[in-house]
C-alpha atoms as a PDB file:
ATOM      1  CA  MET A   1      36.485  18.601  52.957  1.00  0.00           C
ATOM      2  CA  LEU A   2      36.365  22.302  53.802  1.00  0.00           C
ATOM      3  CA  VAL A   3      34.175  21.644  56.851  1.00  0.00           C
ATOM      4  CA  GLU A   4      32.845  18.738  58.869  1.00  0.00           C
ATOM      5  CA  PRO A   5      29.644  17.600  57.124  1.00  0.00           C
ATOM      6  CA  ILE A   6      26.105  17.827  58.392  1.00  0.00           C
ATOM      7  CA  ASN A   7      24.241  14.599  57.742  1.00  0.00           C
ATOM      8  CA  PRO A   8      20.971  15.003  55.823  1.00  0.00           C
ATOM      9  CA  LYS A   9      17.564  15.148  57.493  1.00  0.00           C
ATOM     10  CA  ILE A  10      15.428  14.791  54.368  1.00  0.00           C
ATOM     11  CA  VAL A  11      15.219  12.486  51.356  1.00  0.00           C
ATOM     12  CA  THR A  12      13.427  14.075  48.398  1.00  0.00           C
ATOM     13  CA  ILE A  13      12.154  11.973  45.511  1.00  0.00           C
ATOM     14  CA  LEU A  14      11.180  13.954  42.401  1.00  0.00           C
ATOM     15  CA  THR A  15       9.207  11.009  41.125  1.00  0.00           C
ATOM     16  CA  THR A  16       8.211  12.261  37.670  1.00  0.00           C
ATOM     17  CA  TYR A  17       7.976  15.344  35.465  1.00  0.00           C
ATOM     18  CA  LYS A  18       4.643  14.096  34.148  1.00  0.00           C
ATOM     19  CA  CYS A  19       1.783  16.119  35.604  1.00  0.00           C
ATOM     20  CA  SER A  20      -1.973  16.271  35.359  1.00  0.00           C
ATOM     21  CA  ALA A  21      -1.528  20.024  34.841  1.00  0.00           C
ATOM     22  CA  ALA A  22       0.626  22.120  32.515  1.00  0.00           C
ATOM     23  CA  CYS A  23       1.094  25.336  34.492  1.00  0.00           C
ATOM     24  CA  LYS A  24       2.645  27.921  32.192  1.00  0.00           C
ATOM     25  CA  GLU A  25       5.075  29.025  34.908  1.00  0.00           C
ATOM     26  CA  CYS A  26       5.985  25.556  36.224  1.00  0.00           C
ATOM     27  CA  CYS A  27       9.573  25.568  37.491  1.00  0.00           C
ATOM     28  CA  PHE A  28      10.221  22.114  36.001  1.00  0.00           C
ATOM     29  CA  GLN A  29       8.058  22.668  32.882  1.00  0.00           C
ATOM     30  CA  CYS A  30       5.927  19.628  33.710  1.00  0.00           C
ATOM     31  CA  THR A  31       3.013  18.618  31.457  1.00  0.00           C
ATOM     32  CA  PRO A  32       0.735  15.605  30.894  1.00  0.00           C
ATOM     33  CA  LYS A  33       2.773  14.824  27.763  1.00  0.00           C
ATOM     34  CA  ILE A  34       6.036  14.138  29.616  1.00  0.00           C
ATOM     35  CA  THR A  35       6.533  10.453  30.387  1.00  0.00           C
ATOM     36  CA  VAL A  36       9.864  10.470  32.236  1.00  0.00           C
ATOM     37  CA  ARG A  37       9.638   9.004  35.748  1.00  0.00           C
ATOM     38  CA  LEU A  38      11.525   6.898  38.231  1.00  0.00           C
ATOM     39  CA  SER A  39      10.657   3.224  38.462  1.00  0.00           C
ATOM     40  CA  TYR A  40       9.750   1.753  41.831  1.00  0.00           C
ATOM     41  CA  GLU A  41      13.049  -0.168  41.784  1.00  0.00           C
ATOM     42  CA  GLU A  42      14.990   3.091  41.361  1.00  0.00           C
ATOM     43  CA  ILE A  43      13.044   4.779  44.158  1.00  0.00           C
ATOM     44  CA  GLU A  44      13.517   1.785  46.460  1.00  0.00           C
ATOM     45  CA  SER A  45      17.263   1.572  45.785  1.00  0.00           C
ATOM     46  CA  PHE A  46      17.787   5.277  46.472  1.00  0.00           C
ATOM     47  CA  ILE A  47      15.764   5.289  49.706  1.00  0.00           C
ATOM     48  CA  LEU A  48      17.388   2.121  51.027  1.00  0.00           C
ATOM     49  CA  GLU A  49      20.921   3.403  50.361  1.00  0.00           C
ATOM     50  CA  ALA A  50      20.127   6.813  51.858  1.00  0.00           C
ATOM     51  CA  HIS A  51      18.725   5.149  54.968  1.00  0.00           C
ATOM     52  CA  SER A  52      21.646   2.728  55.216  1.00  0.00           C
ATOM     53  CA  ASN A  53      24.158   5.587  55.173  1.00  0.00           C
ATOM     54  CA  PHE A  54      22.261   8.164  57.234  1.00  0.00           C
ATOM     55  CA  LYS A  55      19.626   6.379  59.308  1.00  0.00           C
ATOM     56  CA  ASP A  56      20.645   8.254  62.469  1.00  0.00           C
ATOM     57  CA  SER A  57      19.846  11.657  60.942  1.00  0.00           C
ATOM     58  CA  LEU A  58      17.130  11.081  58.324  1.00  0.00           C
ATOM     59  CA  GLU A  59      13.677  12.107  59.529  1.00  0.00           C
ATOM     60  CA  LEU A  60      11.496  12.627  56.478  1.00  0.00           C
ATOM     61  CA  CYS A  61      11.011  11.431  52.903  1.00  0.00           C
ATOM     62  CA  VAL A  62       9.200  13.798  50.514  1.00  0.00           C
ATOM     63  CA  PHE A  63       7.597  12.597  47.282  1.00  0.00           C
ATOM     64  CA  THR A  64       6.930  15.295  44.729  1.00  0.00           C
ATOM     65  CA  GLY A  65       7.023  15.898  40.978  1.00  0.00           C
ATOM     66  CA  GLY A  66       5.366  16.666  38.595  1.00  0.00           C
ATOM     67  CA  GLU A  67       2.361  14.952  40.075  1.00  0.00           C
ATOM     68  CA  CYS A  68       3.592  12.094  42.239  1.00  0.00           C
ATOM     69  CA  THR A  69       0.171  10.440  42.574  1.00  0.00           C
ATOM     70  CA  LEU A  70       0.385   9.502  38.868  1.00  0.00           C
ATOM     71  CA  LEU A  71       2.751   6.723  40.010  1.00  0.00           C
ATOM     72  CA  GLY A  72      -0.241   4.917  41.510  1.00  0.00           C
ATOM     73  CA  GLU A  73       0.676   1.715  43.329  1.00  0.00           C
ATOM     74  CA  ASP A  74       4.401   2.492  43.066  1.00  0.00           C
ATOM     75  CA  LEU A  75       3.856   5.583  45.209  1.00  0.00           C
ATOM     76  CA  PHE A  76       1.872   3.657  47.805  1.00  0.00           C
ATOM     77  CA  LYS A  77       4.591   0.977  47.974  1.00  0.00           C
ATOM     78  CA  ALA A  78       7.300   3.634  48.376  1.00  0.00           C
ATOM     79  CA  ILE A  79       5.408   5.323  51.220  1.00  0.00           C
ATOM     80  CA  GLU A  80       5.038   1.962  52.943  1.00  0.00           C
ATOM     81  CA  LEU A  81       8.774   1.342  52.527  1.00  0.00           C
ATOM     82  CA  VAL A  82       9.529   4.657  54.226  1.00  0.00           C
ATOM     83  CA  LYS A  83       7.179   3.794  57.083  1.00  0.00           C
ATOM     84  CA  ASN A  84       8.857   0.416  57.579  1.00  0.00           C
ATOM     85  CA  LEU A  85      12.236   2.161  57.766  1.00  0.00           C
ATOM     86  CA  GLY A  86      10.993   4.347  60.604  1.00  0.00           C
ATOM     87  CA  MET A  87      10.868   7.651  58.708  1.00  0.00           C
ATOM     88  CA  LYS A  88       7.965  10.030  58.196  1.00  0.00           C
ATOM     89  CA  SER A  89       6.621  10.725  54.707  1.00  0.00           C
ATOM     90  CA  ARG A  90       5.074  13.673  52.901  1.00  0.00           C
ATOM     91  CA  ILE A  91       3.668  14.103  49.407  1.00  0.00           C
ATOM     92  CA  VAL A  92       3.233  17.307  47.378  1.00  0.00           C
ATOM     93  CA  THR A  93       0.252  17.185  45.032  1.00  0.00           C
ATOM     94  CA  ASN A  94      -2.102  19.408  43.033  1.00  0.00           C
ATOM     95  CA  ALA A  95      -5.142  17.341  44.164  1.00  0.00           C
ATOM     96  CA  SER A  96      -6.329  16.754  40.588  1.00  0.00           C
ATOM     97  CA  TRP A  97      -7.580  13.373  41.875  1.00  0.00           C
ATOM     98  CA  ALA A  98     -10.150  15.063  44.168  1.00  0.00           C
ATOM     99  CA  LYS A  99     -12.803  15.986  41.586  1.00  0.00           C
ATOM    100  CA  THR A 100     -15.485  14.576  43.911  1.00  0.00           C
ATOM    101  CA  LYS A 101     -15.650  14.018  47.651  1.00  0.00           C
ATOM    102  CA  LYS A 102     -15.815  10.260  47.081  1.00  0.00           C
ATOM    103  CA  ALA A 103     -12.691  10.285  44.883  1.00  0.00           C
ATOM    104  CA  ALA A 104     -10.862  12.406  47.443  1.00  0.00           C
ATOM    105  CA  ASP A 105     -11.792  10.007  50.229  1.00  0.00           C
ATOM    106  CA  ARG A 106     -10.532   7.023  48.223  1.00  0.00           C
ATOM    107  CA  MET A 107      -7.122   8.593  47.565  1.00  0.00           C
ATOM    108  CA  ILE A 108      -6.587   9.740  51.140  1.00  0.00           C
ATOM    109  CA  ASP A 109      -7.566   6.306  52.455  1.00  0.00           C
ATOM    110  CA  LYS A 110      -4.982   4.663  50.176  1.00  0.00           C
ATOM    111  CA  LEU A 111      -2.306   7.117  51.243  1.00  0.00           C
ATOM    112  CA  LEU A 112      -3.074   6.619  54.931  1.00  0.00           C
ATOM    113  CA  ASP A 113      -3.158   2.843  54.560  1.00  0.00           C
ATOM    114  CA  SER A 114       0.357   3.112  53.077  1.00  0.00           C
ATOM    115  CA  GLY A 115       1.545   5.117  56.088  1.00  0.00           C
ATOM    116  CA  LEU A 116       1.586   8.749  54.879  1.00  0.00           C
ATOM    117  CA  ASN A 117       2.180  11.356  57.607  1.00  0.00           C
ATOM    118  CA  GLU A 118       1.749  14.703  55.826  1.00  0.00           C
ATOM    119  CA  ILE A 119       0.209  16.061  52.627  1.00  0.00           C
ATOM    120  CA  ASN A 120       0.857  19.378  50.843  1.00  0.00           C
ATOM    121  CA  TYR A 121      -1.535  20.815  48.244  1.00  0.00           C
ATOM    122  CA  SER A 122      -0.701  23.533  45.707  1.00  0.00           C
ATOM    123  CA  THR A 123      -3.210  26.037  44.325  1.00  0.00           C
ATOM    124  CA  GLY A 124      -3.482  29.504  42.822  1.00  0.00           C
ATOM    125  CA  ASP A 125      -3.970  31.143  39.429  1.00  0.00           C
ATOM    126  CA  ASN A 126      -1.643  28.847  37.477  1.00  0.00           C
ATOM    127  CA  HIS A 127      -2.848  25.642  39.107  1.00  0.00           C
ATOM    128  CA  GLN A 128      -6.506  26.560  38.851  1.00  0.00           C
ATOM    129  CA  GLU A 129      -6.333  26.698  35.075  1.00  0.00           C
ATOM    130  CA  TRP A 130      -6.079  22.899  35.368  1.00  0.00           C
ATOM    131  CA  VAL A 131      -7.358  21.928  38.819  1.00  0.00           C
ATOM    132  CA  PRO A 132     -10.437  23.762  40.139  1.00  0.00           C
ATOM    133  CA  PHE A 133     -10.401  25.123  43.658  1.00  0.00           C
ATOM    134  CA  GLU A 134     -13.281  22.760  44.440  1.00  0.00           C
ATOM    135  CA  SER A 135     -10.833  19.861  44.150  1.00  0.00           C
ATOM    136  CA  ILE A 136      -8.515  21.464  46.705  1.00  0.00           C
ATOM    137  CA  ILE A 137     -11.424  21.887  49.107  1.00  0.00           C
ATOM    138  CA  ASN A 138     -12.492  18.251  48.611  1.00  0.00           C
ATOM    139  CA  ALA A 139      -8.920  17.115  49.228  1.00  0.00           C
ATOM    140  CA  CYS A 140      -8.555  19.266  52.361  1.00  0.00           C
ATOM    141  CA  GLU A 141     -11.821  17.922  53.722  1.00  0.00           C
ATOM    142  CA  ALA A 142     -10.786  14.308  53.086  1.00  0.00           C
ATOM    143  CA  SER A 143      -7.303  14.609  54.616  1.00  0.00           C
ATOM    144  CA  CYS A 144      -8.302  16.765  57.587  1.00  0.00           C
ATOM    145  CA  ASN A 145     -11.317  14.614  58.474  1.00  0.00           C
ATOM    146  CA  ARG A 146      -8.833  11.748  58.807  1.00  0.00           C
ATOM    147  CA  GLU A 147      -6.459  13.878  60.937  1.00  0.00           C
ATOM    148  CA  LEU A 148      -3.720  13.888  58.293  1.00  0.00           C
ATOM    149  CA  ILE A 149      -1.418  16.909  58.666  1.00  0.00           C
ATOM    150  CA  THR A 150      -2.378  19.159  55.737  1.00  0.00           C
ATOM    151  CA  LEU A 151      -0.702  22.259  54.290  1.00  0.00           C
ATOM    152  CA  VAL A 152      -1.938  24.296  51.337  1.00  0.00           C
ATOM    153  CA  SER A 153       0.552  26.395  49.377  1.00  0.00           C
ATOM    154  CA  ILE A 154      -1.078  29.360  47.628  1.00  0.00           C
ATOM    155  CA  GLU A 155       0.643  31.106  44.704  1.00  0.00           C
ATOM    156  CA  SER A 156       1.344  34.708  45.630  1.00  0.00           C
ATOM    157  CA  PHE A 157       2.217  37.428  43.137  1.00  0.00           C
ATOM    158  CA  ALA A 158       1.053  40.914  42.157  1.00  0.00           C
ATOM    159  CA  ASP A 159      -2.268  41.051  40.281  1.00  0.00           C
ATOM    160  CA  SER A 160      -3.112  37.409  40.985  1.00  0.00           C
ATOM    161  CA  THR A 161      -6.820  36.643  40.653  1.00  0.00           C
ATOM    162  CA  PHE A 162      -6.922  34.061  43.446  1.00  0.00           C
ATOM    163  CA  SER A 163      -5.329  35.304  46.664  1.00  0.00           C
ATOM    164  CA  TYR A 164      -4.287  33.978  50.048  1.00  0.00           C
ATOM    165  CA  GLU A 165      -7.299  35.830  51.489  1.00  0.00           C
ATOM    166  CA  ASP A 166      -9.630  34.030  49.074  1.00  0.00           C
ATOM    167  CA  PHE A 167      -8.414  30.758  50.528  1.00  0.00           C
ATOM    168  CA  VAL A 168      -8.600  31.555  54.235  1.00  0.00           C
ATOM    169  CA  ASN A 169     -11.974  33.329  53.905  1.00  0.00           C
ATOM    170  CA  ASN A 170     -13.677  30.482  52.051  1.00  0.00           C
ATOM    171  CA  ASP A 171     -16.549  29.201  54.183  1.00  0.00           C
ATOM    172  CA  ARG A 172     -15.784  25.504  53.645  1.00  0.00           C
ATOM    173  CA  ILE A 173     -12.101  26.044  54.400  1.00  0.00           C
ATOM    174  CA  LYS A 174     -12.924  27.945  57.589  1.00  0.00           C
ATOM    175  CA  TYR A 175     -15.232  25.125  58.672  1.00  0.00           C
ATOM    176  CA  ILE A 176     -12.572  22.472  57.989  1.00  0.00           C
ATOM    177  CA  LYS A 177      -9.993  24.419  60.018  1.00  0.00           C
ATOM    178  CA  GLU A 178     -12.343  24.971  62.954  1.00  0.00           C
ATOM    179  CA  LYS A 179     -13.623  21.394  62.962  1.00  0.00           C
ATOM    180  CA  THR A 180     -10.342  19.491  62.578  1.00  0.00           C
ATOM    181  CA  GLY A 181      -7.390  21.711  63.507  1.00  0.00           C
ATOM    182  CA  CYS A 182      -5.309  19.837  60.896  1.00  0.00           C
ATOM    183  CA  LEU A 183      -5.191  22.482  58.160  1.00  0.00           C
ATOM    184  CA  SER A 184      -2.643  25.251  57.674  1.00  0.00           C
ATOM    185  CA  GLU A 185      -1.704  27.409  54.721  1.00  0.00           C
ATOM    186  CA  VAL A 186       1.236  29.423  53.421  1.00  0.00           C
ATOM    187  CA  LYS A 187       1.797  32.090  50.804  1.00  0.00           C
ATOM    188  CA  ALA A 188       4.136  30.774  48.114  1.00  0.00           C
ATOM    189  CA  SER A 189       6.083  33.411  46.206  1.00  0.00           C
ATOM    190  CA  TRP A 190       5.673  32.600  42.525  1.00  0.00           C
ATOM    191  CA  ILE A 191       8.689  32.954  40.248  1.00  0.00           C
ATOM    192  CA  SER A 192       7.563  33.909  36.758  1.00  0.00           C
ATOM    193  CA  LEU A 193       9.838  32.189  34.246  1.00  0.00           C
ATOM    194  CA  LYS A 194       8.316  33.860  31.181  1.00  0.00           C
ATOM    195  CA  ASN A 195       6.969  37.230  32.307  1.00  0.00           C
ATOM    196  CA  PRO A 196       9.546  39.609  33.868  1.00  0.00           C
ATOM    197  CA  LYS A 197       6.790  42.122  34.641  1.00  0.00           C
ATOM    198  CA  THR A 198       5.320  39.711  37.199  1.00  0.00           C
ATOM    199  CA  ILE A 199       8.614  39.752  39.097  1.00  0.00           C
ATOM    200  CA  GLU A 200       8.944  43.518  38.778  1.00  0.00           C
ATOM    201  CA  LYS A 201       5.511  44.009  40.347  1.00  0.00           C
ATOM    202  CA  SER A 202       5.774  41.278  42.975  1.00  0.00           C
ATOM    203  CA  GLY A 203       9.330  41.607  44.241  1.00  0.00           C
ATOM    204  CA  ARG A 204      11.113  43.966  46.573  1.00  0.00           C
ATOM    205  CA  GLU A 205      14.567  45.488  46.639  1.00  0.00           C
ATOM    206  CA  LEU A 206      17.351  43.953  48.689  1.00  0.00           C
ATOM    207  CA  ASP A 207      18.608  46.369  51.326  1.00  0.00           C
ATOM    208  CA  GLU A 208      19.726  46.445  54.955  1.00  0.00           C
ATOM    209  CA  THR A 209      16.134  46.003  56.165  1.00  0.00           C
ATOM    210  CA  TYR A 210      15.568  42.801  54.154  1.00  0.00           C
ATOM    211  CA  ASN A 211      14.883  39.669  56.183  1.00  0.00           C
ATOM    212  CA  PHE A 212      17.828  37.603  54.920  1.00  0.00           C
ATOM    213  CA  GLN A 213      17.495  33.884  55.641  1.00  0.00           C
ATOM    214  CA  PRO A 214      19.870  30.903  55.264  1.00  0.00           C
ATOM    215  CA  CYS A 215      19.054  28.339  52.597  1.00  0.00           C
ATOM    216  CA  ASP A 216      17.112  25.496  54.252  1.00  0.00           C
ATOM    217  CA  SER A 217      17.515  23.135  51.297  1.00  0.00           C
ATOM    218  CA  VAL A 218      21.188  22.891  50.387  1.00  0.00           C
ATOM    219  CA  LEU A 219      23.356  20.667  52.642  1.00  0.00           C
ATOM    220  CA  ASN A 220      20.225  19.390  54.331  1.00  0.00           C
ATOM    221  CA  PHE A 221      18.841  16.661  52.112  1.00  0.00           C
ATOM    222  CA  LEU A 222      19.475  13.891  49.603  1.00  0.00           C
ATOM    223  CA  GLY A 223      17.498  14.071  46.395  1.00  0.00           C
ATOM    224  CA  ILE A 224      16.994  12.387  43.048  1.00  0.00           C
ATOM    225  CA  ASN A 225      15.144  13.690  39.985  1.00  0.00           C
ATOM    226  CA  PRO A 226      13.148  11.690  37.408  1.00  0.00           C
ATOM    227  CA  LEU A 227      16.208  11.422  35.156  1.00  0.00           C
ATOM    228  CA  GLY A 228      18.130   9.598  37.882  1.00  0.00           C
ATOM    229  CA  ASN A 229      20.367  12.544  38.765  1.00  0.00           C
ATOM    230  CA  VAL A 230      21.354  13.013  42.388  1.00  0.00           C
ATOM    231  CA  ILE A 231      20.417  16.604  43.200  1.00  0.00           C
ATOM    232  CA  ASN A 232      21.955  18.913  45.783  1.00  0.00           C
ATOM    233  CA  CYS A 233      18.906  21.130  46.126  1.00  0.00           C
ATOM    234  CA  CYS A 234      15.151  20.863  45.524  1.00  0.00           C
ATOM    235  CA  GLY A 235      14.641  24.573  44.853  1.00  0.00           C
ATOM    236  CA  LEU A 236      12.569  26.105  42.082  1.00  0.00           C
ATOM    237  CA  THR A 237      15.546  26.932  39.863  1.00  0.00           C
ATOM    238  CA  MET A 238      17.533  23.774  40.622  1.00  0.00           C
ATOM    239  CA  GLU A 239      17.223  22.311  37.113  1.00  0.00           C
ATOM    240  CA  TYR A 240      18.821  25.426  35.617  1.00  0.00           C
ATOM    241  CA  ILE A 241      21.937  25.330  37.829  1.00  0.00           C
ATOM    242  CA  PRO A 242      24.420  22.562  36.870  1.00  0.00           C
ATOM    243  CA  SER A 243      26.173  22.761  40.253  1.00  0.00           C
ATOM    244  CA  MET A 244      22.982  21.567  41.917  1.00  0.00           C
ATOM    245  CA  LYS A 245      23.304  18.155  40.280  1.00  0.00           C
ATOM    246  CA  ALA A 246      25.892  15.694  41.598  1.00  0.00           C
ATOM    247  CA  GLY A 247      25.644  13.277  38.657  1.00  0.00           C
ATOM    248  CA  LYS A 248      23.800  10.076  37.857  1.00  0.00           C
ATOM    249  CA  TYR A 249      22.863   7.946  40.836  1.00  0.00           C
ATOM    250  CA  GLN A 250      25.115   4.903  41.117  1.00  0.00           C
ATOM    251  CA  LYS A 251      24.461   2.405  43.847  1.00  0.00           C
ATOM    252  CA  GLY A 252      27.199   2.465  46.478  1.00  0.00           C
ATOM    253  CA  LEU A 253      28.346   6.042  45.746  1.00  0.00           C
ATOM    254  CA  LEU A 254      25.559   8.075  47.341  1.00  0.00           C
ATOM    255  CA  LYS A 255      27.397   8.909  50.557  1.00  0.00           C
ATOM    256  CA  GLU A 256      30.459  10.099  48.653  1.00  0.00           C
ATOM    257  CA  MET A 257      28.306  12.182  46.294  1.00  0.00           C
ATOM    258  CA  TYR A 258      26.603  13.864  49.232  1.00  0.00           C
ATOM    259  CA  TYR A 259      29.813  14.562  51.139  1.00  0.00           C
ATOM    260  CA  ASN A 260      31.409  16.126  48.043  1.00  0.00           C
ATOM    261  CA  ASN A 261      29.086  19.093  48.604  1.00  0.00           C
ATOM    262  CA  PHE A 262      31.143  20.071  51.615  1.00  0.00           C
ATOM    263  CA  ASN A 263      34.117  20.788  49.355  1.00  0.00           C
ATOM    264  CA  ASP A 264      32.085  23.554  47.692  1.00  0.00           C
ATOM    265  CA  PHE A 265      32.405  26.887  49.489  1.00  0.00           C
ATOM    266  CA  MET A 266      29.411  28.402  47.670  1.00  0.00           C
ATOM    267  CA  LYS A 267      27.079  25.764  49.071  1.00  0.00           C
ATOM    268  CA  ILE A 268      28.455  26.378  52.574  1.00  0.00           C
ATOM    269  CA  TRP A 269      27.922  30.105  52.044  1.00  0.00           C
ATOM    270  CA  LEU A 270      24.360  29.504  50.838  1.00  0.00           C
ATOM    271  CA  LYS A 271      23.734  27.344  53.890  1.00  0.00           C
ATOM    272  CA  VAL A 272      24.693  30.019  56.408  1.00  0.00           C
ATOM    273  CA  ASP A 273      23.750  33.294  54.671  1.00  0.00           C
ATOM    274  CA  GLY A 274      21.273  32.386  51.926  1.00  0.00           C
ATOM    275  CA  PRO A 275      21.299  33.489  48.285  1.00  0.00           C
ATOM    276  CA  GLU A 276      19.666  36.883  48.802  1.00  0.00           C
ATOM    277  CA  LYS A 277      22.338  38.001  51.262  1.00  0.00           C
ATOM    278  CA  ILE A 278      25.087  36.728  48.948  1.00  0.00           C
ATOM    279  CA  LEU A 279      23.578  38.648  46.009  1.00  0.00           C
ATOM    280  CA  TYR A 280      23.376  41.774  48.175  1.00  0.00           C
ATOM    281  CA  TYR A 281      27.025  41.264  49.159  1.00  0.00           C
ATOM    282  CA  ALA A 282      27.940  41.180  45.456  1.00  0.00           C
ATOM    283  CA  TYR A 283      26.065  44.456  44.925  1.00  0.00           C
ATOM    284  CA  GLN A 284      27.929  46.067  47.841  1.00  0.00           C
ATOM    285  CA  LYS A 285      31.177  45.193  46.069  1.00  0.00           C
ATOM    286  CA  ASN A 286      29.967  46.204  42.605  1.00  0.00           C
ATOM    287  CA  LYS A 287      27.314  48.936  42.306  1.00  0.00           C
ATOM    288  CA  ASN A 288      26.845  48.031  38.634  1.00  0.00           C
ATOM    289  CA  LEU A 289      24.802  45.063  39.894  1.00  0.00           C
ATOM    290  CA  GLU A 290      22.044  47.290  41.267  1.00  0.00           C
ATOM    291  CA  LYS A 291      19.494  46.156  38.675  1.00  0.00           C
ATOM    292  CA  TYR A 292      19.740  42.559  39.958  1.00  0.00           C
ATOM    293  CA  ILE A 293      18.694  43.452  43.508  1.00  0.00           C
ATOM    294  CA  LYS A 294      15.734  45.658  42.562  1.00  0.00           C
ATOM    295  CA  SER A 295      12.991  43.040  42.463  1.00  0.00           C
ATOM    296  CA  ILE A 296      13.521  39.751  44.293  1.00  0.00           C
ATOM    297  CA  VAL A 297      10.465  37.554  44.872  1.00  0.00           C
ATOM    298  CA  HIS A 298      12.054  34.332  46.116  1.00  0.00           C
ATOM    299  CA  PRO A 299      15.444  33.046  47.357  1.00  0.00           C
ATOM    300  CA  CYS A 300      15.649  30.652  44.402  1.00  0.00           C
ATOM    301  CA  GLN A 301      15.491  33.613  42.019  1.00  0.00           C
ATOM    302  CA  ALA A 302      18.506  35.155  43.768  1.00  0.00           C
ATOM    303  CA  CYS A 303      20.303  31.797  43.644  1.00  0.00           C
ATOM    304  CA  ALA A 304      19.792  31.560  39.875  1.00  0.00           C
ATOM    305  CA  ILE A 305      21.239  35.062  39.442  1.00  0.00           C
ATOM    306  CA  ILE A 306      24.277  34.150  41.544  1.00  0.00           C
ATOM    307  CA  TYR A 307      25.034  31.044  39.504  1.00  0.00           C
ATOM    308  CA  LYS A 308      23.991  32.165  36.026  1.00  0.00           C
ATOM    309  CA  ASN A 309      24.972  35.845  35.753  1.00  0.00           C
ATOM    310  CA  PRO A 310      28.614  36.263  34.613  1.00  0.00           C
ATOM    311  CA  GLU A 311      29.129  39.684  36.227  1.00  0.00           C
ATOM    312  CA  VAL A 312      27.731  38.539  39.570  1.00  0.00           C
ATOM    313  CA  ARG A 313      29.901  35.417  39.443  1.00  0.00           C
ATOM    314  CA  GLU A 314      33.021  37.439  38.625  1.00  0.00           C
ATOM    315  CA  THR A 315      32.331  39.886  41.468  1.00  0.00           C
ATOM    316  CA  LEU A 316      31.873  37.095  43.987  1.00  0.00           C
ATOM    317  CA  ASN A 317      34.961  35.300  42.709  1.00  0.00           C
ATOM    318  CA  ASN A 318      36.992  38.487  43.255  1.00  0.00           C
ATOM    319  CA  HIS A 319      35.757  39.077  46.803  1.00  0.00           C
ATOM    320  CA  TYR A 320      34.631  35.808  48.420  1.00  0.00           C
ATOM    321  CA  LYS A 321      37.987  35.274  50.162  1.00  0.00           C
ATOM    322  CA  GLU A 322      37.222  38.301  52.320  1.00  0.00           C
ATOM    323  CA  ILE A 323      34.439  36.397  54.102  1.00  0.00           C
ATOM    324  CA  VAL A 324      35.675  32.784  54.056  1.00  0.00           C
ATOM    325  CA  THR A 325      36.787  32.738  57.687  1.00  0.00           C
ATOM    326  CA  SER A 326      33.637  34.357  59.073  1.00  0.00           C
ATOM    327  CA  THR A 327      31.442  32.065  56.938  1.00  0.00           C
ATOM    328  CA  ILE A 328      33.203  28.932  58.181  1.00  0.00           C
ATOM    329  CA  ILE A 329      32.790  30.119  61.767  1.00  0.00           C
ATOM    330  CA  LYS A 330      29.051  30.664  61.210  1.00  0.00           C
ATOM    331  CA  TYR A 331      28.794  27.208  59.682  1.00  0.00           C
ATOM    332  CA  GLU A 332      30.546  25.620  62.646  1.00  0.00           C
ATOM    333  CA  ASN A 333      28.091  27.345  64.997  1.00  0.00           C
ATOM    334  CA  MET A 334      25.131  26.265  62.873  1.00  0.00           C
ATOM    335  CA  LYS A 335      26.087  22.619  62.671  1.00  0.00           C
ATOM    336  CA  ASN A 336      25.841  22.236  66.436  1.00  0.00           C
ATOM    337  CA  SER A 337      22.073  22.068  66.009  1.00  0.00           C
ATOM    338  CA  TYR A 338      22.338  19.177  63.541  1.00  0.00           C
ATOM    339  CA  LYS A 339      23.253  15.524  63.810  1.00  0.00           C
ATOM    340  CA  ILE A 340      26.666  15.334  62.206  1.00  0.00           C
ATOM    341  CA  THR A 341      28.887  12.655  60.745  1.00  0.00           C
ATOM    342  CA  PRO A 342      31.370  10.853  62.993  1.00  0.00           C
END
């Protein structure tokens, strides 16, 4: 391996690409018509092997999708399994199940009885075509009244109808926050997959004043998607980047598949500098790439450009050796804050 590995902190289970919504800009193109999902046996096998190999570092298991609550009892059993293994659990959901206060209460009670520790809701223009904001409010009320840690992710892009301010200024939301102290929210940059004008309006240019951040996904977690592929990243553009898939999950090989990532210099580079800084580095070496740094809305967008654009790839291939040593040094400094492999 190029470097000493960092053991993963997170297990991510992309349970299904079936969803109760069909958001036109969904990063995984999920719809109610898609049936592909992991069985409970597949989920159990993956979690048990991950825990067996990395129990000293794993802290959290995230269930997402698609809409993970469509798994019903299989989801509740998986959450209970995670609890029994001594890890925390989180689900990401659109709250389509919270059409009424009573329905919201029932779902949250089931999730809490299973041992859930955190819940994340998603809302905004795209989601609200399928799930009304009223459902999000019902869900927030149900989870916060039961002191379940709750985060709402709000789609953020230029010209959006529903804004972050609309959420935080809603009277019911303000009451829930003041009463319980369990609710927080975050702006979620929305990558438009079909409308380049949305990115042009919403993004900003990479320059020396940009707040470059390391990638907090790669080399930090173990993941599996609904097709049974071990994934190296859970980012928005992951499915479009072949390098972010390690291959089909095979029992007994998970540790080897994870450690193989540390033979890949690009993933190490992403870990310490992040995709936006790498894309800006490519531009500094090749001014013909200026158009690719003009409007960046999300790190995953920059990552897709790095991996998918031939000219960017060629530029990085011609110049990456200039920063190998400094990147490895930064990685070595970073890993001191992680639990690492013996």
